[in-house]
Protein backbone atom coordinates (compact mmCIF):
# COMPACT_ATOMS: atom_id res chain seq x y z
CA UNK A 1 0.00 0.00 0.00
CA UNK A 2 1.35 3.39 -1.02
CA UNK A 3 0.10 6.83 0.00
CA UNK A 4 0.84 9.88 2.06
CA UNK A 5 -0.47 9.86 5.61
CA UNK A 6 0.74 13.27 6.78
CA UNK A 7 -2.44 14.97 5.53
CA UNK A 8 -5.44 15.18 7.85
CA UNK A 9 -8.02 12.56 6.84
CA UNK A 10 -11.56 13.78 7.52
CA UNK A 11 -14.99 12.15 7.27
CA UNK A 12 -16.93 12.77 4.10
CA UNK A 13 -19.89 15.14 4.47
CA UNK A 14 -22.64 13.01 5.99
CA UNK A 15 -25.11 14.10 3.31
CA UNK A 16 -22.68 12.98 0.60
CA UNK A 17 -22.18 9.53 2.12
CA UNK A 18 -25.94 9.10 2.57
CA UNK A 19 -26.40 10.02 -1.09
CA UNK A 20 -23.77 7.55 -2.27
CA UNK A 21 -25.32 4.71 -0.26
CA UNK A 22 -28.83 5.60 -1.51
CA UNK A 23 -27.57 5.72 -5.12
CA UNK A 24 -26.20 2.22 -4.86
CA UNK A 25 -29.42 0.91 -3.31
CA UNK A 26 -31.35 2.55 -6.18
CA UNK A 27 -28.96 0.99 -8.69
CA UNK A 28 -29.50 -2.51 -7.36
CA UNK A 29 -33.27 -2.20 -6.97
CA UNK A 30 -34.20 -0.27 -10.12
CA UNK A 31 -31.31 -0.36 -12.64
CA UNK A 32 -30.29 -4.04 -12.60
CA UNK A 33 -26.89 -2.99 -11.28
CA UNK A 34 -26.14 -0.46 -14.05
CA UNK A 35 -24.15 2.43 -12.49
CA UNK A 36 -25.77 5.83 -12.07
CA UNK A 37 -23.76 8.85 -13.21
CA UNK A 38 -23.49 9.82 -9.54
CA UNK A 39 -21.03 6.97 -8.90
CA UNK A 40 -18.85 7.89 -11.89
CA UNK A 41 -16.77 10.92 -10.87
CA UNK A 42 -14.02 12.57 -12.86
CA UNK A 43 -10.64 11.96 -11.23
CA UNK A 44 -7.97 14.66 -11.66
CA UNK A 45 -4.33 13.79 -11.02
CA UNK A 46 -1.05 15.67 -11.37
CA UNK A 47 0.53 14.95 -14.76
CA UNK A 48 3.62 16.99 -15.66
CA UNK A 49 3.79 17.65 -19.39
CA UNK A 50 0.03 17.38 -19.90
CA UNK A 51 -1.83 20.67 -20.38
CA UNK A 52 -1.58 22.65 -17.15
CA UNK A 53 0.14 19.76 -15.42
CA UNK A 54 -3.04 17.80 -14.67
CA UNK A 55 -5.11 15.13 -16.40
CA UNK A 56 -8.72 14.07 -15.77
CA UNK A 57 -10.17 10.58 -16.07
CA UNK A 58 -13.60 8.99 -15.73
CA UNK A 59 -13.83 6.20 -13.15
CA UNK A 60 -16.47 4.13 -11.37
CA UNK A 61 -16.18 4.40 -7.61
CA UNK A 62 -17.31 2.35 -4.65
CA UNK A 63 -17.86 2.82 -0.94
CA UNK A 64 -15.86 0.65 1.44
CA UNK A 65 -17.34 -1.25 4.39
CA UNK A 66 -16.58 0.14 7.83
CA UNK A 67 -13.29 -1.30 9.19
CA UNK A 68 -15.04 -3.61 11.65
CA UNK A 69 -17.14 -5.11 8.82
CA UNK A 70 -14.47 -5.29 6.12
CA UNK A 71 -13.38 -8.92 6.53
CA UNK A 72 -16.94 -10.18 6.99
CA UNK A 73 -18.15 -8.46 3.81
CA UNK A 74 -15.17 -9.76 1.84
CA UNK A 75 -15.95 -13.31 2.95
CA UNK A 76 -19.58 -12.86 1.85
CA UNK A 77 -18.53 -11.67 -1.62
CA UNK A 78 -16.08 -14.51 -2.09
CA UNK A 79 -18.53 -17.17 -0.91
CA UNK A 80 -21.22 -15.84 -3.26
CA UNK A 81 -18.84 -15.99 -6.20
CA UNK A 82 -17.52 -19.46 -5.48
CA UNK A 83 -20.99 -20.91 -4.74
CA UNK A 84 -22.56 -19.73 -7.99
CA UNK A 85 -19.59 -19.91 -10.37
CA UNK A 86 -20.38 -23.51 -11.48
CA UNK A 87 -23.68 -22.18 -12.85
CA UNK A 88 -21.97 -19.51 -14.95
CA UNK A 89 -21.23 -15.78 -14.92
CA UNK A 90 -24.90 -14.79 -15.19
CA UNK A 91 -25.76 -16.76 -12.06
CA UNK A 92 -22.92 -15.04 -10.21
CA UNK A 93 -24.15 -11.62 -11.37
CA UNK A 94 -27.75 -12.31 -10.34
CA UNK A 95 -26.67 -13.61 -6.94
CA UNK A 96 -24.53 -10.53 -6.39
CA UNK A 97 -27.39 -8.26 -7.38
CA UNK A 98 -29.81 -9.99 -5.00
CA UNK A 99 -27.29 -9.82 -2.16
CA UNK A 100 -26.58 -6.13 -2.64
CA UNK A 101 -30.24 -5.12 -2.78
CA UNK A 102 -30.20 -5.25 1.01
CA UNK A 103 -26.55 -4.29 1.43
CA UNK A 104 -26.76 -0.53 0.91
CA UNK A 105 -29.04 0.47 3.78
CA UNK A 106 -27.24 2.09 6.69
CA UNK A 107 -24.49 4.67 5.94
CA UNK A 108 -22.85 3.80 9.27
CA UNK A 109 -21.98 0.39 7.79
CA UNK A 110 -19.47 2.10 5.49
CA UNK A 111 -16.09 3.73 5.94
CA UNK A 112 -16.89 7.42 6.53
CA UNK A 113 -13.74 8.78 4.87
CA UNK A 114 -13.00 6.54 1.87
CA UNK A 115 -14.02 6.17 -1.78
CA UNK A 116 -12.49 3.33 -3.83
CA UNK A 117 -11.88 2.25 -7.40
CA UNK A 118 -10.12 -0.58 -9.25
CA UNK A 119 -7.67 0.41 -12.01
CA UNK A 120 -5.00 -1.22 -14.20
CA UNK A 121 -1.72 -1.24 -12.29
CA UNK A 122 0.30 -0.04 -15.30
CA UNK A 123 -2.13 2.72 -16.36
CA UNK A 124 -1.41 6.45 -16.42
CA UNK A 125 -3.53 7.22 -13.36
CA UNK A 126 -1.77 4.72 -11.12
CA UNK A 127 1.65 5.88 -12.32
CA UNK A 128 0.66 9.49 -11.60
CA UNK A 129 -0.65 8.68 -8.13
CA UNK A 130 2.50 6.77 -7.24
CA UNK A 131 4.46 9.97 -7.91
CA UNK A 132 2.00 12.34 -6.23
CA UNK A 133 -1.01 10.93 -4.39
CA UNK A 134 -2.93 14.20 -3.98
CA UNK A 135 -5.92 14.29 -6.33
CA UNK A 136 -9.55 15.32 -6.66
CA UNK A 137 -12.83 13.60 -7.48
CA UNK A 138 -15.59 15.62 -9.14
CA UNK A 139 -19.10 14.21 -8.69
CA UNK A 140 -21.33 15.93 -11.23
CA UNK A 141 -25.03 15.24 -11.74
CA UNK A 142 -27.16 17.45 -13.97
CA UNK A 143 -30.51 16.09 -15.08
CA UNK A 144 -33.32 18.51 -15.96
CA UNK A 145 -35.93 15.78 -15.65
CA UNK A 146 -34.99 13.97 -12.43
CA UNK A 147 -36.11 16.09 -9.50
CA UNK A 148 -35.64 13.36 -6.90
CA UNK A 149 -33.12 13.67 -4.09
CA UNK A 150 -30.92 11.11 -5.83
CA UNK A 151 -30.99 12.81 -9.22
CA UNK A 152 -30.95 16.51 -8.35
CA UNK A 153 -28.15 18.84 -9.44
CA UNK A 154 -24.86 18.22 -7.67
CA UNK A 155 -21.35 19.43 -8.35
CA UNK A 156 -19.15 18.29 -5.48
CA UNK A 157 -15.37 18.14 -5.56
CA UNK A 158 -13.58 15.93 -3.07
CA UNK A 159 -9.94 16.63 -2.34
CA UNK A 160 -8.20 13.38 -1.47
CA UNK A 161 -4.96 11.57 -0.92
CA UNK A 162 -4.73 8.23 -2.72
CA UNK A 163 -3.54 4.97 -1.20
CA UNK A 164 -2.62 2.23 -3.69
CA UNK A 165 -3.37 -1.32 -2.57
CA UNK A 166 -1.96 -4.29 -4.47
CA UNK A 167 -2.89 -6.73 -1.68
CA UNK A 168 -4.32 -6.73 1.83
CA UNK A 169 -7.85 -6.40 3.27
CA UNK A 170 -8.93 -3.33 1.28
CA UNK A 171 -7.70 -4.84 -1.97
CA UNK A 172 -9.42 -8.17 -1.26
CA UNK A 173 -12.75 -6.52 -0.48
CA UNK A 174 -12.90 -4.36 -3.59
CA UNK A 175 -11.51 -7.12 -5.82
CA UNK A 176 -14.09 -9.70 -4.76
CA UNK A 177 -16.93 -7.18 -4.94
CA UNK A 178 -15.92 -6.29 -8.50
CA UNK A 179 -15.52 -9.96 -9.43
CA UNK A 180 -19.18 -10.65 -8.72
CA UNK A 181 -20.17 -8.42 -11.63
CA UNK A 182 -17.19 -8.30 -13.97
CA UNK A 183 -15.11 -11.41 -13.39
CA UNK A 184 -11.55 -11.56 -12.14
CA UNK A 185 -9.63 -8.31 -12.72
CA UNK A 186 -6.04 -9.49 -12.85
CA UNK A 187 -3.34 -6.86 -13.22
CA UNK A 188 -5.34 -4.25 -11.30
CA UNK A 189 -4.81 -2.38 -8.05
CA UNK A 190 -7.29 -0.78 -5.69
CA UNK A 191 -7.14 2.96 -5.11
CA UNK A 192 -8.50 4.13 -1.76
CA UNK A 193 -9.22 7.85 -1.97
CA UNK A 194 -8.96 9.20 1.56
CA UNK A 195 -10.99 12.38 2.01
CA UNK A 196 -9.27 15.61 3.02
CA UNK A 197 -11.89 18.26 2.23
CA UNK A 198 -14.77 18.93 -0.14
CA UNK A 199 -16.44 21.86 -1.90
CA UNK A 200 -19.60 22.60 -3.82
CA UNK A 201 -18.29 23.90 -7.15
CA UNK A 202 -21.58 24.30 -9.03
CA UNK A 203 -21.96 27.33 -11.31
CA UNK A 204 -18.51 28.71 -10.46
CA UNK A 205 -18.83 28.39 -6.69
CA UNK A 206 -16.19 27.17 -4.29
CA UNK A 207 -18.15 26.58 -1.09
CA UNK A 208 -16.97 24.18 1.63
CA UNK A 209 -19.40 21.35 2.31
């Protein structure tokens, strides 16, 4: 695991974490697991020689179980995968979907300061984060038709420090979770974005949240 721990890690805004958990519950119950745009932030990393020294990348993010639940949840994911694999990938996917319909309920079941993603270990983003782990995640939702709490306008930028996990409990959890829906992702690492601060940046604003 690589990262910089000197920065002050802070909990995500409680309203943001509630929204992320609700989005994932909505995804499982109403979208057959298809990600909502609200779980697909734009990640900006330092990249000398590119534009103004930064590059931005679309990713799909996840929320991590609370530390005391991490090993238990990992075991559940792995057991689901191994139990249904003889029936084929579709059976694994359906079992994962059914399991997660009741998984995203209580925000207190999740790590209050961490967003995760799984990325190729030799990709540009991982190389950039190994050199400089400070980064930002921009969560942007703009839908003129969806007036629900889940779909309403949001433009929230999280300032984070990235930890890169090639093994260990965090890696195992995210890897097995991903495997339920996409199969084994060999050659990937888990990025744990540890929250430092966040701002509402909608319509040119820069307001702390």
